[in-house]
Amino acid sequence: MDLTSLSCLGSLQSASGHVLIKNSNVLGSANLTSLVSVDGYISFYGKIFMTEVLSSSLETVGDYFNLYNNDKMIVVSVPQLQNVGSHTIVYYHNKLKTLSFPLLTMVGGYFSVHDAHGFC
């Protein structure tokens, strides 16, 4: 059965490990509005068909932040994100129009946008 909503995570404020959303054919968006910190990584990976990732409270990711391989992704908005411990990757998003990290001041490794044909 495919995951259709992340509403069950609506009150999640922190994760001492990782957050991984992978291979959901029907999940339309990832709206993690209460999530402030992830000590490990946060990754949206595989053939997930989300049009948007919205995380209005996320400030810190201890390891990496990855968005990988989603042909439907249009908007990624993480307005409070300031620090990513390792790297940030945005790969293979052919329809991406908005990538917003306005407060991002530190990435411990590299920041890479690759094969996002609709972006910019």
PDB file of N, CA and C in Angstrom:
ATOM      1  N   MET A   1       0.838  -1.175   0.000  1.00  0.00           N
ATOM      2  CA  MET A   1       0.000   0.000   0.000  1.00  0.00           C
ATOM      3  C   MET A   1       0.884   1.240   0.000  1.00  0.00           C
ATOM      4  N   ASP A   2       0.542   2.230  -0.850  1.00  0.00           N
ATOM      5  CA  ASP A   2       1.303   3.466  -0.944  1.00  0.00           C
ATOM      6  C   ASP A   2       0.875   4.476   0.105  1.00  0.00           C
ATOM      7  N   LEU A   3       1.843   5.193   0.620  1.00  0.00           N
ATOM      8  CA  LEU A   3       1.612   6.275   1.561  1.00  0.00           C
ATOM      9  C   LEU A   3       0.986   7.441   0.819  1.00  0.00           C
ATOM     10  N   THR A   4      -0.168   7.935   1.295  1.00  0.00           N
ATOM     11  CA  THR A   4      -0.864   9.024   0.614  1.00  0.00           C
ATOM     12  C   THR A   4      -0.770  10.349   1.355  1.00  0.00           C
ATOM     13  N   SER A   5      -0.351  10.337   2.631  1.00  0.00           N
ATOM     14  CA  SER A   5      -0.305  11.560   3.417  1.00  0.00           C
ATOM     15  C   SER A   5       0.742  11.425   4.524  1.00  0.00           C
ATOM     16  N   LEU A   6       1.338  12.564   4.879  1.00  0.00           N
ATOM     17  CA  LEU A   6       2.251  12.598   6.026  1.00  0.00           C
ATOM     18  C   LEU A   6       1.603  13.289   7.216  1.00  0.00           C
ATOM     19  N   SER A   7       0.285  13.380   7.214  1.00  0.00           N
ATOM     20  CA  SER A   7      -0.426  14.079   8.287  1.00  0.00           C
ATOM     21  C   SER A   7      -0.166  13.444   9.657  1.00  0.00           C
ATOM     22  N   CYS A   8       0.156  12.179   9.700  1.00  0.00           N
ATOM     23  CA  CYS A   8       0.455  11.515  10.965  1.00  0.00           C
ATOM     24  C   CYS A   8       1.744  12.051  11.596  1.00  0.00           C
ATOM     25  N   LEU A   9       2.546  12.787  10.817  1.00  0.00           N
ATOM     26  CA  LEU A   9       3.788  13.374  11.324  1.00  0.00           C
ATOM     27  C   LEU A   9       3.644  14.872  11.600  1.00  0.00           C
ATOM     28  N   GLY A  10       2.420  15.368  11.610  1.00  0.00           N
ATOM     29  CA  GLY A  10       2.156  16.790  11.755  1.00  0.00           C
ATOM     30  C   GLY A  10       2.684  17.424  13.026  1.00  0.00           C
ATOM     31  N   SER A  11       2.857  16.652  14.090  1.00  0.00           N
ATOM     32  CA  SER A  11       3.357  17.187  15.356  1.00  0.00           C
ATOM     33  C   SER A  11       4.834  16.881  15.602  1.00  0.00           C
ATOM     34  N   LEU A  12       5.462  16.160  14.689  1.00  0.00           N
ATOM     35  CA  LEU A  12       6.870  15.794  14.850  1.00  0.00           C
ATOM     36  C   LEU A  12       7.755  17.037  14.835  1.00  0.00           C
ATOM     37  N   GLN A  13       8.510  17.252  15.935  1.00  0.00           N
ATOM     38  CA  GLN A  13       9.362  18.431  16.051  1.00  0.00           C
ATOM     39  C   GLN A  13      10.835  18.129  15.843  1.00  0.00           C
ATOM     40  N   SER A  14      11.266  16.914  16.165  1.00  0.00           N
ATOM     41  CA  SER A  14      12.672  16.569  15.976  1.00  0.00           C
ATOM     42  C   SER A  14      12.819  15.072  15.740  1.00  0.00           C
ATOM     43  N   ALA A  15      13.921  14.727  15.083  1.00  0.00           N
ATOM     44  CA  ALA A  15      14.264  13.324  14.858  1.00  0.00           C
ATOM     45  C   ALA A  15      15.717  13.148  15.245  1.00  0.00           C
ATOM     46  N   SER A  16      15.995  12.241  16.175  1.00  0.00           N
ATOM     47  CA  SER A  16      17.376  12.009  16.593  1.00  0.00           C
ATOM     48  C   SER A  16      18.113  11.135  15.582  1.00  0.00           C
ATOM     49  N   GLY A  17      17.388  10.530  14.681  1.00  0.00           N
ATOM     50  CA  GLY A  17      17.977   9.720  13.617  1.00  0.00           C
ATOM     51  C   GLY A  17      17.748  10.369  12.274  1.00  0.00           C
ATOM     52  N   HIS A  18      17.101   9.622  11.370  1.00  0.00           N
ATOM     53  CA  HIS A  18      16.925  10.059   9.989  1.00  0.00           C
ATOM     54  C   HIS A  18      15.444  10.170   9.637  1.00  0.00           C
ATOM     55  N   VAL A  19      15.147  10.936   8.592  1.00  0.00           N
ATOM     56  CA  VAL A  19      13.817  11.000   7.997  1.00  0.00           C
ATOM     57  C   VAL A  19      13.986  10.632   6.531  1.00  0.00           C
ATOM     58  N   LEU A  20      13.368   9.530   6.113  1.00  0.00           N
ATOM     59  CA  LEU A  20      13.486   9.037   4.747  1.00  0.00           C
ATOM     60  C   LEU A  20      12.095   8.781   4.188  1.00  0.00           C
ATOM     61  N   ILE A  21      11.770   9.448   3.093  1.00  0.00           N
ATOM     62  CA  ILE A  21      10.535   9.198   2.357  1.00  0.00           C
ATOM     63  C   ILE A  21      10.971   8.667   1.000  1.00  0.00           C
ATOM     64  N   LYS A  22      10.524   7.442   0.677  1.00  0.00           N
ATOM     65  CA  LYS A  22      11.060   6.782  -0.516  1.00  0.00           C
ATOM     66  C   LYS A  22       9.972   6.019  -1.266  1.00  0.00           C
ATOM     67  N   ASN A  23       9.966   6.164  -2.580  1.00  0.00           N
ATOM     68  CA  ASN A  23       9.167   5.340  -3.488  1.00  0.00           C
ATOM     69  C   ASN A  23       7.672   5.283  -3.164  1.00  0.00           C
ATOM     70  N   SER A  24       7.028   6.436  -3.062  1.00  0.00           N
ATOM     71  CA  SER A  24       5.581   6.474  -2.911  1.00  0.00           C
ATOM     72  C   SER A  24       4.971   7.030  -4.189  1.00  0.00           C
ATOM     73  N   ASN A  25       4.121   6.264  -4.826  1.00  0.00           N
ATOM     74  CA  ASN A  25       3.528   6.658  -6.094  1.00  0.00           C
ATOM     75  C   ASN A  25       2.386   7.654  -5.967  1.00  0.00           C
ATOM     76  N   VAL A  26       1.848   7.849  -4.772  1.00  0.00           N
ATOM     77  CA  VAL A  26       0.662   8.694  -4.634  1.00  0.00           C
ATOM     78  C   VAL A  26       0.797   9.817  -3.616  1.00  0.00           C
ATOM     79  N   LEU A  27       1.916   9.935  -2.942  1.00  0.00           N
ATOM     80  CA  LEU A  27       2.106  11.008  -1.973  1.00  0.00           C
ATOM     81  C   LEU A  27       2.269  12.324  -2.728  1.00  0.00           C
ATOM     82  N   GLY A  28       1.330  13.255  -2.533  1.00  0.00           N
ATOM     83  CA  GLY A  28       1.331  14.496  -3.295  1.00  0.00           C
ATOM     84  C   GLY A  28       2.225  15.575  -2.742  1.00  0.00           C
ATOM     85  N   SER A  29       2.416  15.611  -1.405  1.00  0.00           N
ATOM     86  CA  SER A  29       3.277  16.629  -0.819  1.00  0.00           C
ATOM     87  C   SER A  29       3.829  16.127   0.507  1.00  0.00           C
ATOM     88  N   ALA A  30       4.920  16.751   0.914  1.00  0.00           N
ATOM     89  CA  ALA A  30       5.501  16.479   2.229  1.00  0.00           C
ATOM     90  C   ALA A  30       5.449  17.797   2.984  1.00  0.00           C
ATOM     91  N   ASN A  31       4.471  17.926   3.841  1.00  0.00           N
ATOM     92  CA  ASN A  31       4.286  19.139   4.594  1.00  0.00           C
ATOM     93  C   ASN A  31       4.617  18.834   6.055  1.00  0.00           C
ATOM     94  N   LEU A  32       5.862  19.063   6.423  1.00  0.00           N
ATOM     95  CA  LEU A  32       6.364  18.758   7.765  1.00  0.00           C
ATOM     96  C   LEU A  32       6.522  20.074   8.537  1.00  0.00           C
ATOM     97  N   THR A  33       5.418  20.721   8.835  1.00  0.00           N
ATOM     98  CA  THR A  33       5.440  22.082   9.366  1.00  0.00           C
ATOM     99  C   THR A  33       6.006  22.214  10.775  1.00  0.00           C
ATOM    100  N   SER A  34       5.954  21.180  11.583  1.00  0.00           N
ATOM    101  CA  SER A  34       6.439  21.265  12.965  1.00  0.00           C
ATOM    102  C   SER A  34       7.879  20.817  13.140  1.00  0.00           C
ATOM    103  N   LEU A  35       8.444  20.170  12.127  1.00  0.00           N
ATOM    104  CA  LEU A  35       9.791  19.608  12.234  1.00  0.00           C
ATOM    105  C   LEU A  35      10.834  20.722  12.280  1.00  0.00           C
ATOM    106  N   VAL A  36      11.605  20.789  13.386  1.00  0.00           N
ATOM    107  CA  VAL A  36      12.608  21.835  13.601  1.00  0.00           C
ATOM    108  C   VAL A  36      14.022  21.308  13.370  1.00  0.00           C
ATOM    109  N   SER A  37      14.295  20.066  13.777  1.00  0.00           N
ATOM    110  CA  SER A  37      15.655  19.549  13.641  1.00  0.00           C
ATOM    111  C   SER A  37      15.661  18.054  13.346  1.00  0.00           C
ATOM    112  N   VAL A  38      16.652  17.659  12.549  1.00  0.00           N
ATOM    113  CA  VAL A  38      16.912  16.261  12.250  1.00  0.00           C
ATOM    114  C   VAL A  38      18.392  16.053  12.515  1.00  0.00           C
ATOM    115  N   ASP A  39      18.730  15.179  13.475  1.00  0.00           N
ATOM    116  CA  ASP A  39      20.134  14.952  13.813  1.00  0.00           C
ATOM    117  C   ASP A  39      20.868  14.177  12.720  1.00  0.00           C
ATOM    118  N   GLY A  40      20.180  13.300  12.043  1.00  0.00           N
ATOM    119  CA  GLY A  40      20.770  12.532  10.953  1.00  0.00           C
ATOM    120  C   GLY A  40      20.518  13.223   9.625  1.00  0.00           C
ATOM    121  N   TYR A  41      20.009  12.454   8.655  1.00  0.00           N
ATOM    122  CA  TYR A  41      19.724  13.023   7.338  1.00  0.00           C
ATOM    123  C   TYR A  41      18.225  13.108   7.109  1.00  0.00           C
ATOM    124  N   ILE A  42      17.858  13.925   6.139  1.00  0.00           N
ATOM    125  CA  ILE A  42      16.488  13.959   5.636  1.00  0.00           C
ATOM    126  C   ILE A  42      16.583  13.756   4.128  1.00  0.00           C
ATOM    127  N   SER A  43      15.814  12.786   3.628  1.00  0.00           N
ATOM    128  CA  SER A  43      15.936  12.426   2.226  1.00  0.00           C
ATOM    129  C   SER A  43      14.581  12.072   1.639  1.00  0.00           C
ATOM    130  N   PHE A  44      14.306  12.643   0.484  1.00  0.00           N
ATOM    131  CA  PHE A  44      13.147  12.301  -0.323  1.00  0.00           C
ATOM    132  C   PHE A  44      13.737  11.668  -1.575  1.00  0.00           C
ATOM    133  N   TYR A  45      13.528  10.377  -1.723  1.00  0.00           N
ATOM    134  CA  TYR A  45      14.331   9.600  -2.658  1.00  0.00           C
ATOM    135  C   TYR A  45      13.468   8.658  -3.483  1.00  0.00           C
ATOM    136  N   GLY A  46      13.844   8.467  -4.713  1.00  0.00           N
ATOM    137  CA  GLY A  46      13.220   7.469  -5.560  1.00  0.00           C
ATOM    138  C   GLY A  46      12.026   8.030  -6.299  1.00  0.00           C
ATOM    139  N   LYS A  47      11.301   7.198  -6.925  1.00  0.00           N
ATOM    140  CA  LYS A  47      10.161   7.613  -7.736  1.00  0.00           C
ATOM    141  C   LYS A  47       8.987   7.988  -6.833  1.00  0.00           C
ATOM    142  N   ILE A  48       9.159   9.081  -6.126  1.00  0.00           N
ATOM    143  CA  ILE A  48       8.050   9.649  -5.364  1.00  0.00           C
ATOM    144  C   ILE A  48       7.428  10.733  -6.224  1.00  0.00           C
ATOM    145  N   PHE A  49       6.134  10.872  -6.164  1.00  0.00           N
ATOM    146  CA  PHE A  49       5.442  11.766  -7.074  1.00  0.00           C
ATOM    147  C   PHE A  49       4.877  12.978  -6.351  1.00  0.00           C
ATOM    148  N   MET A  50       5.698  13.586  -5.523  1.00  0.00           N
ATOM    149  CA  MET A  50       5.294  14.779  -4.806  1.00  0.00           C
ATOM    150  C   MET A  50       5.495  15.999  -5.693  1.00  0.00           C
ATOM    151  N   THR A  51       4.597  16.961  -5.545  1.00  0.00           N
ATOM    152  CA  THR A  51       4.771  18.224  -6.253  1.00  0.00           C
ATOM    153  C   THR A  51       5.455  19.257  -5.375  1.00  0.00           C
ATOM    154  N   GLU A  52       5.447  19.039  -4.048  1.00  0.00           N
ATOM    155  CA  GLU A  52       6.067  20.025  -3.170  1.00  0.00           C
ATOM    156  C   GLU A  52       6.584  19.411  -1.876  1.00  0.00           C
ATOM    157  N   VAL A  53       7.664  20.024  -1.361  1.00  0.00           N
ATOM    158  CA  VAL A  53       8.182  19.746  -0.032  1.00  0.00           C
ATOM    159  C   VAL A  53       8.154  21.075   0.702  1.00  0.00           C
ATOM    160  N   LEU A  54       7.381  21.125   1.777  1.00  0.00           N
ATOM    161  CA  LEU A  54       7.261  22.341   2.569  1.00  0.00           C
ATOM    162  C   LEU A  54       7.608  22.007   4.011  1.00  0.00           C
ATOM    163  N   SER A  55       8.575  22.689   4.539  1.00  0.00           N
ATOM    164  CA  SER A  55       8.961  22.484   5.924  1.00  0.00           C
ATOM    165  C   SER A  55       9.260  23.850   6.519  1.00  0.00           C
ATOM    166  N   SER A  56       8.231  24.490   7.030  1.00  0.00           N
ATOM    167  CA  SER A  56       8.334  25.891   7.444  1.00  0.00           C
ATOM    168  C   SER A  56       9.137  26.103   8.717  1.00  0.00           C
ATOM    169  N   SER A  57       9.389  25.062   9.504  1.00  0.00           N
ATOM    170  CA  SER A  57      10.092  25.223  10.777  1.00  0.00           C
ATOM    171  C   SER A  57      11.493  24.623  10.808  1.00  0.00           C
ATOM    172  N   LEU A  58      11.847  23.796   9.833  1.00  0.00           N
ATOM    173  CA  LEU A  58      13.133  23.092   9.857  1.00  0.00           C
ATOM    174  C   LEU A  58      14.296  24.080   9.838  1.00  0.00           C
ATOM    175  N   GLU A  59      15.153  23.988  10.874  1.00  0.00           N
ATOM    176  CA  GLU A  59      16.306  24.884  11.015  1.00  0.00           C
ATOM    177  C   GLU A  59      17.642  24.188  10.811  1.00  0.00           C
ATOM    178  N   THR A  60      17.737  22.921  11.243  1.00  0.00           N
ATOM    179  CA  THR A  60      19.020  22.234  11.249  1.00  0.00           C
ATOM    180  C   THR A  60      18.881  20.780  10.814  1.00  0.00           C
ATOM    181  N   VAL A  61      19.801  20.351   9.945  1.00  0.00           N
ATOM    182  CA  VAL A  61      19.933  18.950   9.572  1.00  0.00           C
ATOM    183  C   VAL A  61      21.371  18.565   9.887  1.00  0.00           C
ATOM    184  N   GLY A  62      21.544  17.579  10.758  1.00  0.00           N
ATOM    185  CA  GLY A  62      22.882  17.206  11.215  1.00  0.00           C
ATOM    186  C   GLY A  62      23.754  16.571  10.150  1.00  0.00           C
ATOM    187  N   ASP A  63      23.161  15.805   9.260  1.00  0.00           N
ATOM    188  CA  ASP A  63      23.924  15.121   8.218  1.00  0.00           C
ATOM    189  C   ASP A  63      23.595  15.761   6.874  1.00  0.00           C
ATOM    190  N   TYR A  64      22.862  15.091   5.987  1.00  0.00           N
ATOM    191  CA  TYR A  64      22.606  15.654   4.662  1.00  0.00           C
ATOM    192  C   TYR A  64      21.117  15.855   4.396  1.00  0.00           C
ATOM    193  N   PHE A  65      20.832  16.685   3.396  1.00  0.00           N
ATOM    194  CA  PHE A  65      19.479  16.975   2.923  1.00  0.00           C
ATOM    195  C   PHE A  65      19.449  16.644   1.441  1.00  0.00           C
ATOM    196  N   ASN A  66      18.722  15.581   1.069  1.00  0.00           N
ATOM    197  CA  ASN A  66      18.686  15.132  -0.321  1.00  0.00           C
ATOM    198  C   ASN A  66      17.268  15.131  -0.866  1.00  0.00           C
ATOM    199  N   LEU A  67      17.148  15.586  -2.083  1.00  0.00           N
ATOM    200  CA  LEU A  67      15.923  15.463  -2.872  1.00  0.00           C
ATOM    201  C   LEU A  67      16.360  14.832  -4.181  1.00  0.00           C
ATOM    202  N   TYR A  68      15.906  13.611  -4.418  1.00  0.00           N
ATOM    203  CA  TYR A  68      16.482  12.845  -5.513  1.00  0.00           C
ATOM    204  C   TYR A  68      15.418  12.133  -6.349  1.00  0.00           C
ATOM    205  N   ASN A  69      15.403  12.405  -7.644  1.00  0.00           N
ATOM    206  CA  ASN A  69      14.656  11.635  -8.634  1.00  0.00           C
ATOM    207  C   ASN A  69      13.137  11.719  -8.490  1.00  0.00           C
ATOM    208  N   ASN A  70      12.587  12.892  -8.755  1.00  0.00           N
ATOM    209  CA  ASN A  70      11.147  13.082  -8.715  1.00  0.00           C
ATOM    210  C   ASN A  70      10.723  13.957  -9.893  1.00  0.00           C
ATOM    211  N   ASP A  71      10.090  13.371 -10.878  1.00  0.00           N
ATOM    212  CA  ASP A  71       9.689  14.079 -12.093  1.00  0.00           C
ATOM    213  C   ASP A  71       8.527  15.040 -11.891  1.00  0.00           C
ATOM    214  N   LYS A  72       7.862  14.997 -10.742  1.00  0.00           N
ATOM    215  CA  LYS A  72       6.696  15.852 -10.498  1.00  0.00           C
ATOM    216  C   LYS A  72       7.008  17.050  -9.605  1.00  0.00           C
ATOM    217  N   MET A  73       8.154  17.080  -8.948  1.00  0.00           N
ATOM    218  CA  MET A  73       8.480  18.123  -7.978  1.00  0.00           C
ATOM    219  C   MET A  73       8.500  19.503  -8.633  1.00  0.00           C
ATOM    220  N   ILE A  74       7.737  20.438  -8.054  1.00  0.00           N
ATOM    221  CA  ILE A  74       7.671  21.808  -8.552  1.00  0.00           C
ATOM    222  C   ILE A  74       8.239  22.791  -7.532  1.00  0.00           C
ATOM    223  N   VAL A  75       7.928  22.588  -6.243  1.00  0.00           N
ATOM    224  CA  VAL A  75       8.303  23.540  -5.193  1.00  0.00           C
ATOM    225  C   VAL A  75       9.022  22.838  -4.045  1.00  0.00           C
ATOM    226  N   VAL A  76      10.173  23.400  -3.642  1.00  0.00           N
ATOM    227  CA  VAL A  76      10.860  22.998  -2.415  1.00  0.00           C
ATOM    228  C   VAL A  76      11.073  24.280  -1.626  1.00  0.00           C
ATOM    229  N   SER A  77      10.428  24.369  -0.460  1.00  0.00           N
ATOM    230  CA  SER A  77      10.523  25.574   0.359  1.00  0.00           C
ATOM    231  C   SER A  77      10.836  25.200   1.800  1.00  0.00           C
ATOM    232  N   VAL A  78      12.015  25.607   2.258  1.00  0.00           N
ATOM    233  CA  VAL A  78      12.450  25.351   3.627  1.00  0.00           C
ATOM    234  C   VAL A  78      12.974  26.693   4.165  1.00  0.00           C
ATOM    235  N   PRO A  79      12.061  27.610   4.520  1.00  0.00           N
ATOM    236  CA  PRO A  79      12.430  28.999   4.794  1.00  0.00           C
ATOM    237  C   PRO A  79      13.268  29.235   6.047  1.00  0.00           C
ATOM    238  N   GLN A  80      13.261  28.313   7.010  1.00  0.00           N
ATOM    239  CA  GLN A  80      14.020  28.511   8.248  1.00  0.00           C
ATOM    240  C   GLN A  80      15.325  27.731   8.294  1.00  0.00           C
ATOM    241  N   LEU A  81      15.604  26.910   7.282  1.00  0.00           N
ATOM    242  CA  LEU A  81      16.813  26.081   7.290  1.00  0.00           C
ATOM    243  C   LEU A  81      18.065  26.947   7.263  1.00  0.00           C
ATOM    244  N   GLN A  82      18.933  26.739   8.279  1.00  0.00           N
ATOM    245  CA  GLN A  82      20.154  27.524   8.406  1.00  0.00           C
ATOM    246  C   GLN A  82      21.411  26.685   8.243  1.00  0.00           C
ATOM    247  N   ASN A  83      21.377  25.434   8.728  1.00  0.00           N
ATOM    248  CA  ASN A  83      22.583  24.602   8.747  1.00  0.00           C
ATOM    249  C   ASN A  83      22.303  23.187   8.254  1.00  0.00           C
ATOM    250  N   VAL A  84      23.193  22.711   7.377  1.00  0.00           N
ATOM    251  CA  VAL A  84      23.199  21.319   6.946  1.00  0.00           C
ATOM    252  C   VAL A  84      24.610  20.808   7.207  1.00  0.00           C
ATOM    253  N   GLY A  85      24.743  19.778   8.042  1.00  0.00           N
ATOM    254  CA  GLY A  85      26.050  19.295   8.478  1.00  0.00           C
ATOM    255  C   GLY A  85      26.934  18.747   7.389  1.00  0.00           C
ATOM    256  N   SER A  86      26.356  18.086   6.408  1.00  0.00           N
ATOM    257  CA  SER A  86      27.166  17.457   5.377  1.00  0.00           C
ATOM    258  C   SER A  86      26.922  18.121   4.020  1.00  0.00           C
ATOM    259  N   HIS A  87      25.961  17.636   3.257  1.00  0.00           N
ATOM    260  CA  HIS A  87      25.748  18.163   1.908  1.00  0.00           C
ATOM    261  C   HIS A  87      24.266  18.295   1.598  1.00  0.00           C
ATOM    262  N   THR A  88      23.988  19.012   0.542  1.00  0.00           N
ATOM    263  CA  THR A  88      22.624  19.157   0.034  1.00  0.00           C
ATOM    264  C   THR A  88      22.659  18.831  -1.455  1.00  0.00           C
ATOM    265  N   ILE A  89      21.775  17.912  -1.855  1.00  0.00           N
ATOM    266  CA  ILE A  89      21.713  17.491  -3.249  1.00  0.00           C
ATOM    267  C   ILE A  89      20.273  17.611  -3.743  1.00  0.00           C
ATOM    268  N   VAL A  90      20.115  18.201  -4.901  1.00  0.00           N
ATOM    269  CA  VAL A  90      18.837  18.235  -5.604  1.00  0.00           C
ATOM    270  C   VAL A  90      19.120  17.687  -6.998  1.00  0.00           C
ATOM    271  N   TYR A  91      18.731  16.433  -7.226  1.00  0.00           N
ATOM    272  CA  TYR A  91      19.024  15.747  -8.485  1.00  0.00           C
ATOM    273  C   TYR A  91      17.743  15.256  -9.157  1.00  0.00           C
ATOM    274  N   TYR A  92      17.705  15.359 -10.477  1.00  0.00           N
ATOM    275  CA  TYR A  92      16.685  14.754 -11.329  1.00  0.00           C
ATOM    276  C   TYR A  92      15.257  15.189 -10.985  1.00  0.00           C
ATOM    277  N   HIS A  93      15.043  16.485 -11.086  1.00  0.00           N
ATOM    278  CA  HIS A  93      13.711  17.072 -10.897  1.00  0.00           C
ATOM    279  C   HIS A  93      13.404  17.921 -12.132  1.00  0.00           C
ATOM    280  N   ASN A  94      12.803  17.334 -13.132  1.00  0.00           N
ATOM    281  CA  ASN A  94      12.614  17.984 -14.426  1.00  0.00           C
ATOM    282  C   ASN A  94      11.623  19.135 -14.426  1.00  0.00           C
ATOM    283  N   LYS A  95      10.745  19.218 -13.422  1.00  0.00           N
ATOM    284  CA  LYS A  95       9.735  20.279 -13.398  1.00  0.00           C
ATOM    285  C   LYS A  95       9.946  21.291 -12.275  1.00  0.00           C
ATOM    286  N   LEU A  96      11.050  21.194 -11.566  1.00  0.00           N
ATOM    287  CA  LEU A  96      11.302  22.074 -10.426  1.00  0.00           C
ATOM    288  C   LEU A  96      11.341  23.534 -10.860  1.00  0.00           C
ATOM    289  N   LYS A  97      10.525  24.363 -10.210  1.00  0.00           N
ATOM    290  CA  LYS A  97      10.470  25.795 -10.506  1.00  0.00           C
ATOM    291  C   LYS A  97      10.971  26.642  -9.339  1.00  0.00           C
ATOM    292  N   THR A  98      10.757  26.174  -8.105  1.00  0.00           N
ATOM    293  CA  THR A  98      11.133  26.947  -6.923  1.00  0.00           C
ATOM    294  C   THR A  98      11.953  26.109  -5.964  1.00  0.00           C
ATOM    295  N   LEU A  99      13.124  26.598  -5.628  1.00  0.00           N
ATOM    296  CA  LEU A  99      13.999  25.996  -4.630  1.00  0.00           C
ATOM    297  C   LEU A  99      14.353  27.107  -3.657  1.00  0.00           C
ATOM    298  N   SER A 100      13.818  27.055  -2.453  1.00  0.00           N
ATOM    299  CA  SER A 100      13.944  28.176  -1.526  1.00  0.00           C
ATOM    300  C   SER A 100      14.533  27.750  -0.183  1.00  0.00           C
ATOM    301  N   PHE A 101      15.754  28.220   0.082  1.00  0.00           N
ATOM    302  CA  PHE A 101      16.454  28.066   1.358  1.00  0.00           C
ATOM    303  C   PHE A 101      16.985  29.451   1.745  1.00  0.00           C
ATOM    304  N   PRO A 102      16.146  30.448   2.012  1.00  0.00           N
ATOM    305  CA  PRO A 102      16.603  31.841   2.157  1.00  0.00           C
ATOM    306  C   PRO A 102      17.526  32.112   3.344  1.00  0.00           C
ATOM    307  N   LEU A 103      17.486  31.293   4.395  1.00  0.00           N
ATOM    308  CA  LEU A 103      18.335  31.526   5.569  1.00  0.00           C
ATOM    309  C   LEU A 103      19.520  30.574   5.649  1.00  0.00           C
ATOM    310  N   LEU A 104      19.716  29.735   4.651  1.00  0.00           N
ATOM    311  CA  LEU A 104      20.805  28.763   4.673  1.00  0.00           C
ATOM    312  C   LEU A 104      22.152  29.478   4.678  1.00  0.00           C
ATOM    313  N   THR A 105      22.905  29.293   5.757  1.00  0.00           N
ATOM    314  CA  THR A 105      24.199  29.967   5.906  1.00  0.00           C
ATOM    315  C   THR A 105      25.367  28.999   5.964  1.00  0.00           C
ATOM    316  N   MET A 106      25.108  27.687   6.205  1.00  0.00           N
ATOM    317  CA  MET A 106      26.207  26.746   6.335  1.00  0.00           C
ATOM    318  C   MET A 106      25.826  25.377   5.794  1.00  0.00           C
ATOM    319  N   VAL A 107      26.651  24.881   4.879  1.00  0.00           N
ATOM    320  CA  VAL A 107      26.567  23.508   4.403  1.00  0.00           C
ATOM    321  C   VAL A 107      27.956  22.927   4.634  1.00  0.00           C
ATOM    322  N   GLY A 108      28.054  21.871   5.437  1.00  0.00           N
ATOM    323  CA  GLY A 108      29.345  21.307   5.813  1.00  0.00           C
ATOM    324  C   GLY A 108      30.122  20.686   4.675  1.00  0.00           C
ATOM    325  N   GLY A 109      29.452  20.284   3.633  1.00  0.00           N
ATOM    326  CA  GLY A 109      30.108  19.673   2.480  1.00  0.00           C
ATOM    327  C   GLY A 109      29.822  20.485   1.237  1.00  0.00           C
ATOM    328  N   TYR A 110      29.025  19.944   0.338  1.00  0.00           N
ATOM    329  CA  TYR A 110      28.734  20.621  -0.922  1.00  0.00           C
ATOM    330  C   TYR A 110      27.234  20.810  -1.107  1.00  0.00           C
ATOM    331  N   PHE A 111      26.884  21.741  -1.984  1.00  0.00           N
ATOM    332  CA  PHE A 111      25.504  22.009  -2.382  1.00  0.00           C
ATOM    333  C   PHE A 111      25.442  21.786  -3.885  1.00  0.00           C
ATOM    334  N   SER A 112      24.614  20.844  -4.325  1.00  0.00           N
ATOM    335  CA  SER A 112      24.600  20.479  -5.737  1.00  0.00           C
ATOM    336  C   SER A 112      23.175  20.409  -6.270  1.00  0.00           C
ATOM    337  N   VAL A 113      22.943  21.092  -7.380  1.00  0.00           N
ATOM    338  CA  VAL A 113      21.695  20.972  -8.131  1.00  0.00           C
ATOM    339  C   VAL A 113      22.087  20.408  -9.484  1.00  0.00           C
ATOM    340  N   HIS A 114      21.498  19.262  -9.839  1.00  0.00           N
ATOM    341  CA  HIS A 114      21.915  18.563 -11.045  1.00  0.00           C
ATOM    342  C   HIS A 114      20.681  18.001 -11.755  1.00  0.00           C
ATOM    343  N   ASP A 115      20.605  18.167 -13.052  1.00  0.00           N
ATOM    344  CA  ASP A 115      19.505  17.652 -13.873  1.00  0.00           C
ATOM    345  C   ASP A 115      18.135  18.074 -13.343  1.00  0.00           C
ATOM    346  N   ALA A 116      18.034  19.342 -13.008  1.00  0.00           N
ATOM    347  CA  ALA A 116      16.754  19.962 -12.642  1.00  0.00           C
ATOM    348  C   ALA A 116      16.416  20.897 -13.796  1.00  0.00           C
ATOM    349  N   HIS A 117      15.951  20.342 -14.893  1.00  0.00           N
ATOM    350  CA  HIS A 117      15.826  21.060 -16.162  1.00  0.00           C
ATOM    351  C   HIS A 117      14.883  22.246 -16.121  1.00  0.00           C
ATOM    352  N   GLY A 118      13.856  22.208 -15.285  1.00  0.00           N
ATOM    353  CA  GLY A 118      12.919  23.317 -15.221  1.00  0.00           C
ATOM    354  C   GLY A 118      13.375  24.427 -14.300  1.00  0.00           C
ATOM    355  N   PHE A 119      14.412  24.191 -13.516  1.00  0.00           N
ATOM    356  CA  PHE A 119      14.846  25.141 -12.495  1.00  0.00           C
ATOM    357  C   PHE A 119      15.637  26.290 -13.100  1.00  0.00           C
ATOM    358  N   CYS A 120      15.354  27.479 -12.620  1.00  0.00           N
ATOM    359  CA  CYS A 120      15.988  28.724 -13.064  1.00  0.00           C
ATOM    360  C   CYS A 120      15.691  28.897 -14.494  1.00  0.00           C
TER     361      CYS A 120
END
